[in-house]
Amino acid sequence: MPTSATTVRTAAVAASLSVLLAAGCSGGGDKEGEPAAGTTSTASADASRTPERASASRTAPPPPGRELTGQKPQWKACPAPSQAEGGGAAPEPPPGGSAWECATVKAPLDYADPDGETIDLALIRAKATDPAKRIGSLIFNFGGPGGSGVTTLPAAATDYGALNTRYDLVSFDPRGVGRSKPVECESDAALDKFYALDATPDTDAEVTAYNDGLKSYAAACDRRSGAALPHVGTENAARDLDLMRQVLGDDKLSYFGISYGTELGGVYAHLFPEKVGRAVFDAVVDPTKNSEQSSLGQAKGFQLALDNFAKDCVDRGDQCLIAGTTVAEVEGQITELLKRLDRQPVPAAGGRELTQTQALNGIAQSLYSQQFWPLLEQGVDEADGGDGSLLLALSDAMNGRNENGEYDNMGAAFTAISCVDTEDRASVAQVEAKLPAFRAASPVFGDYLGWGMLGCSNWPVPGTWEHPDVSAPGAPPIVVIGNTGDPATPYEGARAMVGALGPGVGVEITYEGQGHGAYNATSTCVKGAVDAYLLEGRVPAAGTVCR
């Protein structure tokens, strides 16, 4: 369920769902852990509890010293991912590529104190397969915020084989994520209860229970990770990118940002316009919107994706498992299922139950890619028949829960990064006043995303900005790709990013397709334009349209 003011997710979602496609779905048991806390603490007034403010409103911190920028990473064979990164086996080499290597580099916990406490940032790379034509390192951020790049890059590497010929493919766990000083909050058992809360409350009692759950979650994050919470925001992550650029030996940053990774890239371009090399932003976050506007935009985006799914179902007629001869009838079947689940959850594998909120979460998860529409269709049909296992497995994939009942830390990092970034702290009364607009935007997802605006209301540290500054005068061209059918980062965000970057910087490509992102879709037009830019420096024509 939404745990912050926005629900932008990551390309890692696709990697996790591929496991479902290959192996089916099964429930898991709970792992015992500490109980949830009762209430959150208030933000402290001392400087150690205050996040660094946006660069436009304060003096830039001093750069890290040579002892950090001159580090020499000790690259070694990669270990198996930690549980915070999602677990699993050590990554296999990409087809035709080099073995994966991993290293850590040190960064200041607080860039305002570059000689103070440091943290370790986890990196992964596959060397360029044509060293004679090597350009440098291409650093990926796959989004979230909170996604593990160390886990996601190997899972997605087959899509980047052409780029690997001339670039070392590099990704990282951003601060607060995976093996980079991960934010820790609730135990696995407590998270099972947290994600089962009714996130679309209809009564005063349900509102109180939901808000109390958010308070307990925030208190657990403060108790276990409080010292790090002010320092996990996007501006610090952008400064980490520049530190990594120097440590990797690159004069300019070559960068590929997806979803939230486009916001991170935009903030980097604002802070270091003269250090931008060849950069691509795909599935673009609108940098001009505050968290409420972003959530409302996502309500419209997910509704559009659901409409497209329902139309496909209608077009297939009796072959579709969800009955209906019109889009409204297909969506009506889904709406009725959600109403029944609100009254009474249905059984799922492993002795668990599928609640209305988990079903909404699973439906949203399956709309990230047209590849997963068959899972949505099957999941709705099975839940309608009394088996909630598939929709619950989809929800688990969104929340980072494996079949053993263990969670990665993406949810905790997602909330921590989102909440330290945004100044918005909505009240129950403010959310209730906005619900009609959300319901008008999406009859299915409106309440879900509207109530999600409470996610930062009890956070123990203040936020940094209303929205990020990505203006980058003097930066070279940055390729910005918008997908007309994107549910999570609606198409309009690409145009807004181009405008916010400033004249002569953003170069927009439109992809007329479905799903979250474009480069990893089926369009040879998008892939060809991006590869030509990154490999040969050929900037695509602004306004290029791909199908």
Protein backbone atom coordinates (compact mmCIF):
# COMPACT_ATOMS: atom_id res chain seq x y z
CA MET A 1 0.00 0.00 0.00
CA PRO A 2 1.18 3.58 -0.38
CA THR A 3 3.59 4.49 2.40
CA SER A 4 4.52 7.97 1.26
CA ALA A 5 3.13 10.89 -0.65
CA THR A 6 3.91 9.28 -3.99
CA THR A 7 3.96 5.73 -5.29
CA VAL A 8 6.58 5.95 -8.01
CA ARG A 9 8.23 2.57 -8.17
CA THR A 10 11.11 1.04 -10.05
CA ALA A 11 12.22 -1.08 -12.96
CA ALA A 12 13.20 -3.62 -10.30
CA VAL A 13 9.48 -4.39 -10.16
CA ALA A 14 9.75 -6.06 -13.55
CA ALA A 15 12.73 -8.10 -12.42
CA SER A 16 10.88 -9.38 -9.36
CA LEU A 17 7.76 -10.21 -11.34
CA SER A 18 9.76 -12.30 -13.78
CA VAL A 19 10.14 -14.78 -10.95
CA LEU A 20 6.36 -15.05 -10.77
CA LEU A 21 6.11 -15.68 -14.50
CA ALA A 22 8.73 -18.41 -14.37
CA ALA A 23 7.86 -20.18 -11.15
CA GLY A 24 4.27 -19.40 -10.26
CA CYS A 25 3.19 -18.07 -6.88
CA SER A 26 3.20 -19.41 -3.37
CA GLY A 27 2.60 -18.01 0.08
CA GLY A 28 5.12 -17.89 2.86
CA GLY A 29 5.26 -18.02 6.62
CA ASP A 30 6.01 -15.24 9.07
CA LYS A 31 9.39 -14.64 10.61
CA GLU A 32 9.29 -13.70 14.26
CA GLY A 33 10.61 -10.29 15.21
CA GLU A 34 10.23 -7.34 17.52
CA PRO A 35 6.77 -5.85 18.06
CA ALA A 36 5.71 -2.62 16.37
CA ALA A 37 6.12 0.57 18.35
CA GLY A 38 3.11 2.52 19.47
CA THR A 39 3.58 6.14 18.43
CA THR A 40 6.17 8.13 16.56
CA SER A 41 8.50 10.66 18.07
CA THR A 42 8.38 14.31 17.01
CA ALA A 43 11.17 15.83 14.95
CA SER A 44 14.02 17.09 17.07
CA ALA A 45 15.06 20.71 16.80
CA ASP A 46 18.81 20.05 16.81
CA ALA A 47 20.79 20.29 13.59
CA SER A 48 21.53 16.57 13.46
CA ARG A 49 17.83 15.94 12.85
CA THR A 50 17.44 18.47 10.03
CA PRO A 51 17.94 17.35 6.43
CA GLU A 52 20.15 19.36 4.14
CA ARG A 53 18.04 21.94 2.31
CA ALA A 54 17.76 22.26 -1.45
CA SER A 55 20.81 23.78 -3.07
CA ALA A 56 18.83 26.70 -4.46
CA SER A 57 18.11 27.96 -0.95
CA ARG A 58 21.49 27.55 0.78
CA THR A 59 25.20 27.58 0.29
CA ALA A 60 26.53 24.43 -1.36
CA PRO A 61 28.49 22.17 1.00
CA PRO A 62 32.23 21.82 0.45
CA PRO A 63 33.24 19.00 -1.90
CA PRO A 64 34.64 15.78 -0.45
CA GLY A 65 38.40 15.70 0.00
CA ARG A 66 40.95 13.73 -1.96
CA GLU A 67 40.82 10.85 0.51
CA LEU A 68 37.30 10.16 -0.76
CA THR A 69 37.45 11.30 -4.40
CA GLY A 70 40.75 9.47 -4.90
CA GLN A 71 39.55 6.08 -3.62
CA LYS A 72 40.46 3.00 -5.63
CA PRO A 73 37.60 0.49 -5.48
CA GLN A 74 38.64 -3.07 -4.72
CA TRP A 75 36.57 -4.99 -7.28
CA LYS A 76 35.82 -8.59 -6.33
CA ALA A 77 33.40 -11.34 -7.29
CA CYS A 78 29.90 -10.37 -6.19
CA PRO A 79 28.38 -12.11 -3.18
CA ALA A 80 24.80 -13.28 -3.11
CA PRO A 81 22.43 -10.33 -2.55
CA SER A 82 21.71 -9.51 1.08
CA GLN A 83 18.14 -9.86 2.31
CA ALA A 84 17.89 -6.07 2.29
CA GLU A 85 18.63 -6.29 -1.46
CA GLY A 86 16.06 -9.05 -1.95
CA GLY A 87 18.19 -12.16 -1.42
CA GLY A 88 18.84 -14.86 -4.00
CA ALA A 89 21.93 -16.25 -5.70
CA ALA A 90 25.06 -14.43 -6.78
CA PRO A 91 24.55 -12.86 -10.23
CA GLU A 92 25.50 -14.81 -13.34
CA PRO A 93 27.57 -13.06 -16.03
CA PRO A 94 25.46 -11.37 -18.72
CA PRO A 95 25.32 -13.29 -22.02
CA GLY A 96 28.53 -12.55 -23.88
CA GLY A 97 29.62 -10.15 -21.17
CA SER A 98 32.16 -9.92 -18.39
CA ALA A 99 31.68 -11.36 -14.93
CA TRP A 100 29.95 -9.12 -12.44
CA GLU A 101 32.26 -7.41 -9.98
CA CYS A 102 31.29 -5.66 -6.75
CA ALA A 103 32.99 -3.05 -4.57
CA THR A 104 32.22 -0.42 -1.96
CA VAL A 105 33.22 3.22 -1.84
CA LYS A 106 33.03 5.55 1.12
CA ALA A 107 30.89 8.69 1.11
CA PRO A 108 30.15 11.31 3.76
CA LEU A 109 27.05 10.58 5.78
CA ASP A 110 26.50 14.34 5.82
CA TYR A 111 27.97 16.31 2.91
CA ALA A 112 27.90 19.43 5.07
CA ASP A 113 30.56 17.66 7.14
CA PRO A 114 32.71 15.97 4.47
CA ASP A 115 35.41 15.05 6.97
CA GLY A 116 32.97 13.47 9.41
CA GLU A 117 31.31 10.05 9.56
CA THR A 118 31.31 8.03 6.35
CA ILE A 119 29.06 5.33 4.95
CA ASP A 120 29.77 2.54 2.46
CA LEU A 121 28.03 2.61 -0.93
CA ALA A 122 27.72 -0.76 -2.69
CA LEU A 123 28.55 -0.84 -6.44
CA ILE A 124 28.36 -3.46 -9.18
CA ARG A 125 29.83 -3.45 -12.69
CA ALA A 126 30.36 -5.49 -15.83
CA LYS A 127 33.36 -4.26 -17.84
CA ALA A 128 32.99 -3.13 -21.45
CA THR A 129 33.27 -6.08 -23.81
CA ASP A 130 35.20 -4.05 -26.44
CA PRO A 131 37.92 -2.37 -24.33
CA ALA A 132 39.54 -0.76 -27.37
CA LYS A 133 36.38 1.30 -27.95
CA ARG A 134 35.49 1.85 -24.31
CA ILE A 135 33.83 5.21 -23.58
CA GLY A 136 33.73 4.94 -19.78
CA SER A 137 31.23 3.97 -17.10
CA LEU A 138 27.46 4.15 -17.62
CA ILE A 139 25.78 4.45 -14.22
CA PHE A 140 22.18 3.23 -13.86
CA ASN A 141 19.53 4.10 -11.30
CA PHE A 142 16.43 1.97 -11.80
CA GLY A 143 14.14 4.00 -9.59
CA GLY A 144 11.97 3.47 -6.57
CA PRO A 145 13.14 5.41 -4.73
CA GLY A 146 14.69 2.56 -2.81
CA GLY A 147 15.47 0.02 -5.51
CA SER A 148 18.72 -1.94 -5.29
CA GLY A 149 20.80 -1.31 -8.40
CA VAL A 150 23.21 -4.06 -7.34
CA THR A 151 20.36 -6.55 -7.69
CA THR A 152 18.47 -4.99 -10.60
CA LEU A 153 21.29 -4.41 -13.09
CA PRO A 154 22.19 -8.12 -13.44
CA ALA A 155 18.49 -9.01 -13.74
CA ALA A 156 18.00 -6.48 -16.56
CA ALA A 157 21.43 -6.71 -18.21
CA THR A 158 20.30 -8.55 -21.35
CA ASP A 159 18.50 -5.34 -22.40
CA TYR A 160 21.76 -3.40 -22.28
CA GLY A 161 24.07 -5.73 -24.22
CA ALA A 162 24.73 -3.21 -26.99
CA LEU A 163 25.66 -0.54 -24.44
CA ASN A 164 27.97 -2.97 -22.65
CA THR A 165 30.21 -3.15 -25.71
CA ARG A 166 31.59 0.34 -25.06
CA TYR A 167 30.59 1.05 -21.47
CA ASP A 168 31.27 -0.55 -18.15
CA LEU A 169 27.71 -1.10 -16.94
CA VAL A 170 27.60 0.20 -13.35
CA SER A 171 24.87 0.46 -10.76
CA PHE A 172 24.70 0.91 -7.01
CA ASP A 173 22.57 0.69 -3.91
CA PRO A 174 21.77 4.32 -3.10
CA ARG A 175 22.27 5.46 0.48
CA GLY A 176 19.60 3.89 2.69
CA VAL A 177 19.17 0.95 0.30
CA GLY A 178 20.37 -2.66 0.25
CA ARG A 179 24.00 -2.78 1.40
CA SER A 180 24.45 1.02 1.50
CA LYS A 181 23.59 1.72 5.15
CA PRO A 182 20.05 0.38 4.70
CA VAL A 183 17.14 2.01 6.48
CA GLU A 184 15.55 -0.50 8.84
CA CYS A 185 12.03 -0.20 10.22
CA GLU A 186 9.62 -2.97 11.17
CA SER A 187 10.21 -6.70 11.60
CA ASP A 188 8.91 -9.09 8.97
CA ALA A 189 5.99 -10.16 11.15
CA ALA A 190 5.06 -6.53 11.84
CA LEU A 191 5.27 -5.72 8.13
CA ASP A 192 2.77 -8.48 7.33
CA LYS A 193 0.31 -6.74 9.64
CA PHE A 194 1.21 -3.28 8.33
CA TYR A 195 0.63 -4.17 4.68
CA ALA A 196 -2.68 -5.83 5.57
CA LEU A 197 -4.07 -2.58 7.05
CA ASP A 198 -7.09 -1.08 5.32
CA ALA A 199 -5.51 1.76 3.32
CA THR A 200 -8.90 2.92 2.00
CA PRO A 201 -10.66 3.49 5.33
CA ASP A 202 -14.42 4.02 5.31
CA THR A 203 -15.13 4.60 9.01
CA ASP A 204 -13.61 6.65 11.83
CA ALA A 205 -12.32 3.45 13.40
CA GLU A 206 -10.60 2.39 10.18
CA VAL A 207 -9.07 5.86 9.75
CA THR A 208 -7.69 5.67 13.30
CA ALA A 209 -6.29 2.18 12.74
CA TYR A 210 -4.63 3.21 9.48
CA ASN A 211 -3.12 6.36 10.95
CA ASP A 212 -1.94 4.49 14.05
CA GLY A 213 -0.25 1.93 11.79
CA LEU A 214 1.59 4.71 9.97
CA LYS A 215 2.67 6.22 13.30
CA SER A 216 4.01 2.89 14.50
CA TYR A 217 5.87 2.37 11.23
CA ALA A 218 7.49 5.82 11.41
CA ALA A 219 8.43 5.24 15.05
CA ALA A 220 10.11 1.94 14.17
CA CYS A 221 12.13 3.64 11.40
CA ASP A 222 13.18 6.38 13.84
CA ARG A 223 14.10 3.88 16.53
CA ARG A 224 16.23 1.68 14.27
CA SER A 225 17.61 4.18 11.72
CA GLY A 226 17.01 7.64 13.13
CA ALA A 227 20.57 8.94 12.75
CA ALA A 228 20.58 8.23 9.01
CA LEU A 229 17.07 9.45 8.16
CA PRO A 230 17.98 13.14 7.58
CA HIS A 231 20.71 12.16 5.10
CA VAL A 232 19.10 9.68 2.68
CA GLY A 233 17.47 12.23 0.39
CA THR A 234 17.88 12.75 -3.32
CA GLU A 235 20.31 15.67 -3.13
CA ASN A 236 22.78 13.59 -1.12
CA ALA A 237 22.31 10.71 -3.57
CA ALA A 238 23.12 13.10 -6.43
CA ARG A 239 26.32 14.12 -4.65
CA ASP A 240 27.09 10.40 -4.29
CA LEU A 241 26.76 10.10 -8.07
CA ASP A 242 29.42 12.74 -8.55
CA LEU A 243 31.67 11.05 -6.02
CA MET A 244 31.24 7.76 -7.89
CA ARG A 245 32.02 9.50 -11.18
CA GLN A 246 35.35 10.65 -9.78
CA VAL A 247 36.18 7.33 -8.13
CA LEU A 248 35.45 5.50 -11.41
CA GLY A 249 37.83 7.84 -13.23
CA ASP A 250 35.33 9.57 -15.53
CA ASP A 251 35.55 13.26 -16.45
CA LYS A 252 31.80 13.36 -17.15
CA LEU A 253 28.87 11.36 -15.80
CA SER A 254 27.28 9.01 -18.33
CA TYR A 255 23.93 8.14 -16.79
CA PHE A 256 20.76 6.14 -17.44
CA GLY A 257 17.92 6.99 -15.03
CA ILE A 258 14.56 5.21 -14.98
CA SER A 259 11.45 6.35 -13.07
CA TYR A 260 12.64 8.00 -9.83
CA GLY A 261 16.10 7.74 -11.38
CA THR A 262 15.05 10.58 -13.71
CA GLU A 263 14.45 12.83 -10.71
CA LEU A 264 17.82 11.86 -9.28
CA GLY A 265 19.43 12.58 -12.65
CA GLY A 266 17.69 15.94 -12.88
CA VAL A 267 18.92 16.97 -9.45
CA TYR A 268 22.44 15.88 -10.44
CA ALA A 269 22.23 17.99 -13.61
CA HIS A 270 21.14 20.97 -11.52
CA LEU A 271 24.02 20.57 -9.06
CA PHE A 272 26.73 19.63 -11.58
CA PRO A 273 25.67 20.80 -15.07
CA GLU A 274 29.27 21.01 -16.24
CA LYS A 275 29.85 17.36 -15.30
CA VAL A 276 26.91 15.90 -17.27
CA GLY A 277 28.00 13.63 -20.11
CA ARG A 278 25.55 11.55 -22.13
CA ALA A 279 22.41 11.06 -20.05
CA VAL A 280 19.05 9.37 -20.66
CA PHE A 281 15.88 9.80 -18.58
CA ASP A 282 13.19 7.12 -19.17
CA ALA A 283 9.75 6.94 -17.46
CA VAL A 284 10.06 10.50 -16.30
CA VAL A 285 8.95 11.88 -12.93
CA ASP A 286 7.38 15.33 -13.27
CA PRO A 287 9.75 17.60 -11.32
CA THR A 288 7.29 20.51 -11.25
CA LYS A 289 4.62 18.82 -9.15
CA ASN A 290 4.36 18.56 -5.38
CA SER A 291 3.49 15.25 -3.78
CA GLU A 292 -0.27 15.82 -3.88
CA GLN A 293 -0.19 16.70 -7.57
CA SER A 294 2.04 13.70 -8.28
CA SER A 295 -0.32 11.35 -6.46
CA LEU A 296 -3.30 12.75 -8.36
CA GLY A 297 -1.39 12.32 -11.62
CA GLN A 298 -0.68 8.72 -10.73
CA ALA A 299 -4.37 8.12 -10.01
CA LYS A 300 -5.09 9.24 -13.56
CA GLY A 301 -2.15 7.22 -14.91
CA PHE A 302 -3.15 3.96 -13.26
CA GLN A 303 -6.77 4.49 -14.30
CA LEU A 304 -5.64 4.97 -17.90
CA ALA A 305 -3.59 1.77 -17.71
CA LEU A 306 -6.56 -0.12 -16.23
CA ASP A 307 -8.78 1.25 -19.02
CA ASN A 308 -6.29 -0.01 -21.59
CA PHE A 309 -6.19 -3.42 -19.90
CA ALA A 310 -10.00 -3.58 -19.84
CA LYS A 311 -10.23 -2.60 -23.52
CA ASP A 312 -7.82 -5.40 -24.40
CA CYS A 313 -10.01 -7.76 -22.40
CA VAL A 314 -13.12 -6.63 -24.29
CA ASP A 315 -11.35 -6.98 -27.63
CA ARG A 316 -10.52 -10.61 -26.81
CA GLY A 317 -14.13 -11.40 -25.97
CA ASP A 318 -14.73 -14.84 -24.51
CA GLN A 319 -10.98 -15.48 -24.33
CA CYS A 320 -10.76 -13.01 -21.43
CA LEU A 321 -11.39 -14.48 -17.99
CA ILE A 322 -13.13 -11.32 -16.77
CA ALA A 323 -16.68 -11.01 -18.06
CA GLY A 324 -17.82 -7.86 -19.82
CA THR A 325 -18.59 -6.51 -23.27
CA THR A 326 -17.51 -2.94 -22.45
CA VAL A 327 -14.64 -1.36 -20.55
CA ALA A 328 -17.09 -0.23 -17.88
CA GLU A 329 -18.40 -3.78 -17.40
CA VAL A 330 -14.90 -5.28 -17.08
CA GLU A 331 -13.87 -2.64 -14.57
CA GLY A 332 -17.19 -3.11 -12.81
CA GLN A 333 -16.26 -6.74 -12.16
CA ILE A 334 -12.99 -5.60 -10.60
CA THR A 335 -14.73 -2.94 -8.53
CA GLU A 336 -17.26 -5.43 -7.19
CA LEU A 337 -14.47 -7.83 -6.24
CA LEU A 338 -12.73 -5.04 -4.31
CA LYS A 339 -15.95 -4.17 -2.48
CA ARG A 340 -16.40 -7.81 -1.43
CA LEU A 341 -12.79 -7.99 -0.25
CA ASP A 342 -13.33 -4.87 1.84
CA ARG A 343 -16.14 -6.71 3.64
CA GLN A 344 -14.42 -10.08 3.78
CA PRO A 345 -10.89 -11.10 2.68
CA VAL A 346 -10.49 -14.37 0.79
CA PRO A 347 -8.04 -17.18 1.59
CA ALA A 348 -4.62 -17.29 -0.05
CA ALA A 349 -1.66 -19.68 -0.02
CA GLY A 350 0.30 -20.25 3.17
CA GLY A 351 -2.67 -19.68 5.46
CA ARG A 352 -2.80 -15.97 4.59
CA GLU A 353 -5.68 -13.83 3.33
CA LEU A 354 -6.06 -11.35 0.49
CA THR A 355 -7.44 -8.03 1.71
CA GLN A 356 -8.87 -5.23 -0.41
CA THR A 357 -5.70 -3.17 0.02
CA GLN A 358 -3.43 -6.03 -0.99
CA ALA A 359 -5.63 -6.67 -4.03
CA LEU A 360 -5.34 -3.01 -5.05
CA ASN A 361 -1.60 -3.22 -4.56
CA GLY A 362 -1.43 -6.35 -6.73
CA ILE A 363 -3.56 -4.79 -9.45
CA ALA A 364 -1.37 -1.69 -9.52
CA GLN A 365 1.74 -3.88 -9.65
CA SER A 366 0.51 -5.78 -12.68
CA LEU A 367 -0.17 -2.57 -14.62
CA TYR A 368 3.52 -1.63 -14.71
CA SER A 369 4.02 -3.74 -17.82
CA GLN A 370 1.71 -5.11 -20.50
CA GLN A 371 3.65 -8.35 -20.07
CA PHE A 372 1.91 -8.78 -16.72
CA TRP A 373 -1.67 -8.21 -17.87
CA PRO A 374 -2.30 -11.99 -18.06
CA LEU A 375 -1.36 -12.21 -14.36
CA LEU A 376 -3.86 -9.48 -13.54
CA GLU A 377 -6.58 -11.24 -15.51
CA GLN A 378 -5.86 -14.59 -13.87
CA GLY A 379 -5.49 -13.07 -10.42
CA VAL A 380 -8.84 -11.27 -10.57
CA ASP A 381 -10.57 -14.40 -11.88
CA GLU A 382 -9.09 -16.61 -9.14
CA ALA A 383 -9.85 -14.11 -6.37
CA ASP A 384 -13.41 -13.84 -7.65
CA GLY A 385 -13.60 -17.60 -7.20
CA GLY A 386 -12.25 -17.46 -3.65
CA ASP A 387 -8.48 -17.92 -4.11
CA GLY A 388 -6.46 -14.76 -3.50
CA SER A 389 -3.00 -16.33 -3.89
CA LEU A 390 -1.97 -14.73 -7.18
CA LEU A 391 -3.06 -11.17 -6.37
CA LEU A 392 -1.40 -11.52 -2.96
CA ALA A 393 1.81 -12.70 -4.64
CA LEU A 394 1.69 -9.63 -6.91
CA SER A 395 1.23 -7.45 -3.84
CA ASP A 396 4.14 -9.20 -2.12
CA ALA A 397 6.34 -8.48 -5.14
CA MET A 398 5.46 -4.79 -4.88
CA ASN A 399 6.24 -4.78 -1.15
CA GLY A 400 9.46 -6.79 -1.44
CA ARG A 401 8.27 -9.91 0.41
CA ASN A 402 9.72 -13.27 -0.63
CA GLU A 403 8.00 -16.64 -0.34
CA ASN A 404 9.68 -17.24 3.03
CA GLY A 405 8.01 -14.18 4.51
CA GLU A 406 11.17 -12.05 4.49
CA TYR A 407 11.14 -8.47 3.24
CA ASP A 408 13.84 -6.50 1.47
CA ASN A 409 14.31 -2.92 2.59
CA MET A 410 12.89 -1.22 -0.48
CA GLY A 411 9.67 -0.22 1.30
CA ALA A 412 11.56 1.32 4.20
CA ALA A 413 14.00 3.12 1.89
CA PHE A 414 11.16 4.27 -0.37
CA THR A 415 9.40 5.94 2.53
CA ALA A 416 12.55 7.36 4.09
CA ILE A 417 13.78 8.93 0.83
CA SER A 418 10.35 10.20 -0.20
CA CYS A 419 9.60 11.73 3.18
CA VAL A 420 12.93 13.50 3.62
CA ASP A 421 12.53 14.91 0.10
CA THR A 422 9.00 16.31 0.36
CA GLU A 423 7.83 19.07 2.68
CA ASP A 424 4.23 17.87 2.47
CA ARG A 425 2.72 16.57 5.72
CA ALA A 426 -0.99 16.02 5.06
CA SER A 427 -3.56 15.71 7.83
CA VAL A 428 -6.57 13.40 7.86
CA ALA A 429 -8.86 16.39 7.31
CA GLN A 430 -6.82 17.55 4.33
CA VAL A 431 -6.90 14.09 2.77
CA GLU A 432 -10.65 13.78 3.26
CA ALA A 433 -11.13 17.15 1.55
CA LYS A 434 -9.11 15.96 -1.46
CA LEU A 435 -10.74 12.55 -1.87
CA PRO A 436 -13.47 13.72 -4.30
CA ALA A 437 -10.79 14.88 -6.76
CA PHE A 438 -8.97 11.57 -6.44
CA ARG A 439 -12.17 9.58 -6.93
CA ALA A 440 -12.96 11.62 -10.04
CA ALA A 441 -9.47 10.84 -11.37
CA SER A 442 -9.85 7.12 -10.70
CA PRO A 443 -12.87 5.23 -9.35
CA VAL A 444 -10.57 2.26 -8.66
CA PHE A 445 -7.35 3.83 -7.36
CA GLY A 446 -8.58 7.22 -6.11
CA ASP A 447 -9.09 6.39 -2.44
CA TYR A 448 -5.98 4.21 -2.41
CA LEU A 449 -3.69 6.98 -3.65
CA GLY A 450 -5.53 9.75 -1.82
CA TRP A 451 -5.14 8.14 1.59
CA GLY A 452 -1.53 7.37 0.65
CA MET A 453 -0.80 11.08 1.15
CA LEU A 454 -0.77 10.37 4.90
CA GLY A 455 2.40 8.32 4.49
CA CYS A 456 4.78 11.13 5.53
CA SER A 457 2.51 12.83 8.06
CA ASN A 458 4.10 11.17 11.07
CA TRP A 459 7.67 11.12 9.77
CA PRO A 460 10.25 12.00 12.47
CA VAL A 461 12.36 14.40 10.35
CA PRO A 462 11.21 17.36 8.22
CA GLY A 463 11.26 17.38 4.44
CA THR A 464 13.52 19.30 2.07
CA TRP A 465 11.50 20.77 -0.80
CA GLU A 466 8.07 21.18 -2.36
CA HIS A 467 9.51 19.77 -5.55
CA PRO A 468 13.10 19.39 -6.79
CA ASP A 469 15.00 22.00 -8.76
CA VAL A 470 16.32 20.39 -11.95
CA SER A 471 17.21 23.52 -13.91
CA ALA A 472 20.55 22.83 -15.58
CA PRO A 473 21.74 25.80 -17.65
CA GLY A 474 24.88 24.94 -19.55
CA ALA A 475 24.35 21.16 -19.42
CA PRO A 476 24.67 19.21 -22.71
CA PRO A 477 21.62 17.52 -24.30
CA ILE A 478 19.79 15.01 -22.11
CA VAL A 479 17.44 12.52 -23.83
CA VAL A 480 14.04 12.46 -22.10
CA ILE A 481 11.60 9.64 -23.00
CA GLY A 482 7.88 9.73 -22.22
CA ASN A 483 5.52 6.75 -22.61
CA THR A 484 1.90 7.66 -23.44
CA GLY A 485 0.56 4.62 -21.55
CA ASP A 486 2.78 4.84 -18.45
CA PRO A 487 0.71 4.36 -15.26
CA ALA A 488 3.30 5.35 -12.66
CA THR A 489 5.02 8.31 -14.33
CA PRO A 490 2.40 9.78 -16.66
CA TYR A 491 3.48 10.94 -20.10
CA GLU A 492 3.11 14.63 -19.26
CA GLY A 493 6.07 14.38 -16.90
CA ALA A 494 8.51 14.08 -19.80
CA ARG A 495 7.40 17.40 -21.30
CA ALA A 496 7.57 19.03 -17.85
CA MET A 497 11.10 17.69 -17.31
CA VAL A 498 12.23 19.11 -20.67
CA GLY A 499 10.85 22.51 -19.70
CA ALA A 500 12.35 22.43 -16.21
CA LEU A 501 15.83 21.42 -17.42
CA GLY A 502 15.88 24.61 -19.46
CA PRO A 503 16.47 25.69 -23.06
CA GLY A 504 18.72 23.50 -25.12
CA VAL A 505 19.04 20.71 -22.54
CA GLY A 506 16.11 18.27 -22.65
CA VAL A 507 15.47 16.41 -25.93
CA GLU A 508 12.09 14.66 -25.86
CA ILE A 509 11.21 11.30 -27.41
CA THR A 510 7.62 10.07 -27.27
CA TYR A 511 6.86 6.34 -27.11
CA GLU A 512 3.27 5.44 -27.95
CA GLY A 513 3.02 2.27 -25.89
CA GLN A 514 2.00 0.64 -22.64
CA GLY A 515 3.77 0.02 -19.35
CA HIS A 516 6.32 1.79 -17.20
CA GLY A 517 9.25 2.98 -19.31
CA ALA A 518 10.15 2.66 -22.98
CA TYR A 519 13.73 1.47 -23.55
CA ASN A 520 12.99 -2.01 -22.19
CA ALA A 521 9.73 -2.28 -24.15
CA THR A 522 9.50 -3.71 -27.67
CA SER A 523 10.21 -0.51 -29.61
CA THR A 524 13.29 -0.81 -31.81
CA CYS A 525 12.82 2.90 -32.54
CA VAL A 526 13.39 3.92 -28.92
CA LYS A 527 16.27 1.51 -28.40
CA GLY A 528 17.92 2.53 -31.64
CA ALA A 529 17.71 6.25 -30.86
CA VAL A 530 19.07 5.81 -27.34
CA ASP A 531 21.87 3.47 -28.39
CA ALA A 532 22.96 5.84 -31.17
CA TYR A 533 23.08 8.69 -28.67
CA LEU A 534 24.93 6.84 -25.91
CA LEU A 535 27.33 4.95 -28.18
CA GLU A 536 27.96 7.45 -30.97
CA GLY A 537 26.85 10.77 -29.51
CA ARG A 538 24.11 11.28 -32.14
CA VAL A 539 21.45 13.38 -30.43
CA PRO A 540 17.95 12.37 -31.63
CA ALA A 541 15.67 14.96 -33.20
CA ALA A 542 13.54 16.68 -30.58
CA GLY A 543 9.94 15.52 -30.85
CA THR A 544 10.79 12.07 -32.23
CA VAL A 545 7.77 9.74 -31.95
CA CYS A 546 8.24 5.97 -31.64
CA ARG A 547 5.66 3.20 -31.69
